[in-house]
Amino acid sequence: MLTPAVVAEIRQLLGEGRLSQRAIARHLGVSRGIVHAIAHGKRRDRPEPNGLAPKLAVWEGPWERCPGCGGKVQMPCLLCRVRAMRQRRNLNRCGRP
């Protein structure tokens, strides 16, 4: 994923008009397709990452057997949680409570 600083630099170099898209891509170590998409406005801007880990990233704690699936996991078992969420979603789609 490109950082906003790299995207800004690509836009600046494109605006100067001294380098070709191929040269910009080679200079910054990105693909020509990325430079082309930025040049033609086809790449949407993404917000600056705030440094927070995703909610489903890493569990802390000892590894133990999950009573639901039997896998050796760090509790609570993410697989069992996802399966339960899917089951609830499927029940709701069928019109059942």
C-alpha atoms as a PDB file:
ATOM      1  CA  MET A   1       0.000   0.000   0.000  1.00  0.00           C
ATOM      2  CA  LEU A   2       1.298   3.419  -0.902  1.00  0.00           C
ATOM      3  CA  THR A   3       1.711   6.029   1.746  1.00  0.00           C
ATOM      4  CA  PRO A   4       0.051   9.398   1.214  1.00  0.00           C
ATOM      5  CA  ALA A   5       3.538  10.940   0.967  1.00  0.00           C
ATOM      6  CA  VAL A   6       4.421   8.760  -2.042  1.00  0.00           C
ATOM      7  CA  VAL A   7       1.105   9.574  -3.717  1.00  0.00           C
ATOM      8  CA  ALA A   8       1.758  13.285  -3.146  1.00  0.00           C
ATOM      9  CA  GLU A   9       5.248  12.938  -4.630  1.00  0.00           C
ATOM     10  CA  ILE A  10       3.853  11.150  -7.691  1.00  0.00           C
ATOM     11  CA  ARG A  11       1.315  13.956  -8.155  1.00  0.00           C
ATOM     12  CA  GLN A  12       4.052  16.570  -7.792  1.00  0.00           C
ATOM     13  CA  LEU A  13       6.296  14.875 -10.354  1.00  0.00           C
ATOM     14  CA  LEU A  14       3.377  14.463 -12.747  1.00  0.00           C
ATOM     15  CA  GLY A  15       2.552  18.154 -12.344  1.00  0.00           C
ATOM     16  CA  GLU A  16       6.111  19.211 -13.121  1.00  0.00           C
ATOM     17  CA  GLY A  17       5.933  17.325 -16.412  1.00  0.00           C
ATOM     18  CA  ARG A  18       9.686  16.678 -16.640  1.00  0.00           C
ATOM     19  CA  LEU A  19       9.507  12.894 -16.192  1.00  0.00           C
ATOM     20  CA  SER A  20       7.433  10.308 -17.990  1.00  0.00           C
ATOM     21  CA  GLN A  21       5.100   8.035 -16.048  1.00  0.00           C
ATOM     22  CA  ARG A  22       7.550   5.185 -16.623  1.00  0.00           C
ATOM     23  CA  ALA A  23      10.443   7.248 -15.218  1.00  0.00           C
ATOM     24  CA  ILE A  24       8.399   8.293 -12.181  1.00  0.00           C
ATOM     25  CA  ALA A  25       7.464   4.671 -11.497  1.00  0.00           C
ATOM     26  CA  ARG A  26      11.088   3.555 -11.794  1.00  0.00           C
ATOM     27  CA  HIS A  27      12.319   6.446  -9.630  1.00  0.00           C
ATOM     28  CA  LEU A  28       9.865   5.737  -6.786  1.00  0.00           C
ATOM     29  CA  GLY A  29       9.790   1.949  -7.079  1.00  0.00           C
ATOM     30  CA  VAL A  30       6.077   1.650  -7.863  1.00  0.00           C
ATOM     31  CA  SER A  31       4.258   0.125 -10.793  1.00  0.00           C
ATOM     32  CA  ARG A  32       3.468   2.091 -13.941  1.00  0.00           C
ATOM     33  CA  GLY A  33      -0.183   1.191 -13.430  1.00  0.00           C
ATOM     34  CA  ILE A  34      -0.236   3.024 -10.104  1.00  0.00           C
ATOM     35  CA  VAL A  35       1.286   6.126 -11.662  1.00  0.00           C
ATOM     36  CA  HIS A  36      -1.193   5.933 -14.557  1.00  0.00           C
ATOM     37  CA  ALA A  37      -4.148   5.580 -12.174  1.00  0.00           C
ATOM     38  CA  ILE A  38      -3.016   8.585 -10.131  1.00  0.00           C
ATOM     39  CA  ALA A  39      -2.430  10.627 -13.291  1.00  0.00           C
ATOM     40  CA  HIS A  40      -5.927   9.914 -14.595  1.00  0.00           C
ATOM     41  CA  GLY A  41      -7.714  10.261 -11.243  1.00  0.00           C
ATOM     42  CA  LYS A  42      -8.716   6.592 -11.114  1.00  0.00           C
ATOM     43  CA  ARG A  43      -7.068   5.893  -7.777  1.00  0.00           C
ATOM     44  CA  ARG A  44      -9.068   6.964  -4.755  1.00  0.00           C
ATOM     45  CA  ASP A  45      -7.212   8.526  -1.868  1.00  0.00           C
ATOM     46  CA  ARG A  46      -6.928   6.474   1.257  1.00  0.00           C
ATOM     47  CA  PRO A  47      -6.709   7.981   4.728  1.00  0.00           C
ATOM     48  CA  GLU A  48      -3.421   8.096   6.576  1.00  0.00           C
ATOM     49  CA  PRO A  49      -2.999   4.952   8.688  1.00  0.00           C
ATOM     50  CA  ASN A  50      -3.253   5.881  12.344  1.00  0.00           C
ATOM     51  CA  GLY A  51      -0.952   3.145  13.612  1.00  0.00           C
ATOM     52  CA  LEU A  52      -3.660   1.179  15.390  1.00  0.00           C
ATOM     53  CA  ALA A  53      -3.702  -2.560  14.883  1.00  0.00           C
ATOM     54  CA  PRO A  54      -6.784  -4.084  13.301  1.00  0.00           C
ATOM     55  CA  LYS A  55      -9.350  -5.449  15.740  1.00  0.00           C
ATOM     56  CA  LEU A  56      -8.763  -9.041  14.612  1.00  0.00           C
ATOM     57  CA  ALA A  57      -4.981  -8.788  14.666  1.00  0.00           C
ATOM     58  CA  VAL A  58      -3.241 -10.741  17.409  1.00  0.00           C
ATOM     59  CA  TRP A  59      -4.543 -12.315  20.575  1.00  0.00           C
ATOM     60  CA  GLU A  60      -2.379 -12.462  23.633  1.00  0.00           C
ATOM     61  CA  GLY A  61      -2.326 -15.265  26.093  1.00  0.00           C
ATOM     62  CA  PRO A  62      -1.510 -18.946  26.292  1.00  0.00           C
ATOM     63  CA  TRP A  63      -2.450 -21.443  23.589  1.00  0.00           C
ATOM     64  CA  GLU A  64      -5.177 -23.867  24.613  1.00  0.00           C
ATOM     65  CA  ARG A  65      -7.724 -26.224  23.071  1.00  0.00           C
ATOM     66  CA  CYS A  66     -10.990 -24.617  22.027  1.00  0.00           C
ATOM     67  CA  PRO A  67     -13.966 -26.516  23.418  1.00  0.00           C
ATOM     68  CA  GLY A  68     -16.010 -25.622  20.321  1.00  0.00           C
ATOM     69  CA  CYS A  69     -13.764 -26.631  17.414  1.00  0.00           C
ATOM     70  CA  GLY A  70     -10.919 -28.457  19.140  1.00  0.00           C
ATOM     71  CA  GLY A  71      -8.254 -26.289  17.586  1.00  0.00           C
ATOM     72  CA  LYS A  72      -5.231 -25.120  19.529  1.00  0.00           C
ATOM     73  CA  VAL A  73      -5.843 -21.372  19.695  1.00  0.00           C
ATOM     74  CA  GLN A  74      -5.475 -18.332  21.860  1.00  0.00           C
ATOM     75  CA  MET A  75      -8.843 -17.820  23.490  1.00  0.00           C
ATOM     76  CA  PRO A  76     -11.385 -16.604  22.637  1.00  0.00           C
ATOM     77  CA  CYS A  77     -11.454 -18.728  19.495  1.00  0.00           C
ATOM     78  CA  LEU A  78     -11.810 -16.464  16.474  1.00  0.00           C
ATOM     79  CA  LEU A  79     -12.916 -19.316  14.210  1.00  0.00           C
ATOM     80  CA  CYS A  80     -15.814 -20.255  16.481  1.00  0.00           C
ATOM     81  CA  ARG A  81     -16.778 -16.595  16.776  1.00  0.00           C
ATOM     82  CA  VAL A  82     -16.866 -16.139  13.000  1.00  0.00           C
ATOM     83  CA  ARG A  83     -18.825 -19.369  12.536  1.00  0.00           C
ATOM     84  CA  ALA A  84     -21.402 -18.200  15.086  1.00  0.00           C
ATOM     85  CA  MET A  85     -21.716 -14.824  13.347  1.00  0.00           C
ATOM     86  CA  ARG A  86     -22.237 -16.521   9.975  1.00  0.00           C
ATOM     87  CA  GLN A  87     -24.821 -18.854  11.412  1.00  0.00           C
ATOM     88  CA  ARG A  88     -26.757 -15.932  12.938  1.00  0.00           C
ATOM     89  CA  ARG A  89     -26.567 -14.054   9.629  1.00  0.00           C
ATOM     90  CA  ASN A  90     -27.844 -17.077   7.687  1.00  0.00           C
ATOM     91  CA  LEU A  91     -30.718 -17.569  10.139  1.00  0.00           C
ATOM     92  CA  ASN A  92     -31.698 -13.918   9.762  1.00  0.00           C
ATOM     93  CA  ARG A  93     -31.723 -14.206   5.986  1.00  0.00           C
ATOM     94  CA  CYS A  94     -34.153 -17.116   6.110  1.00  0.00           C
ATOM     95  CA  GLY A  95     -36.626 -15.048   8.093  1.00  0.00           C
ATOM     96  CA  ARG A  96     -36.125 -16.952  11.305  1.00  0.00           C
ATOM     97  CA  PRO A  97     -35.409 -15.187  14.600  1.00  0.00           C
END
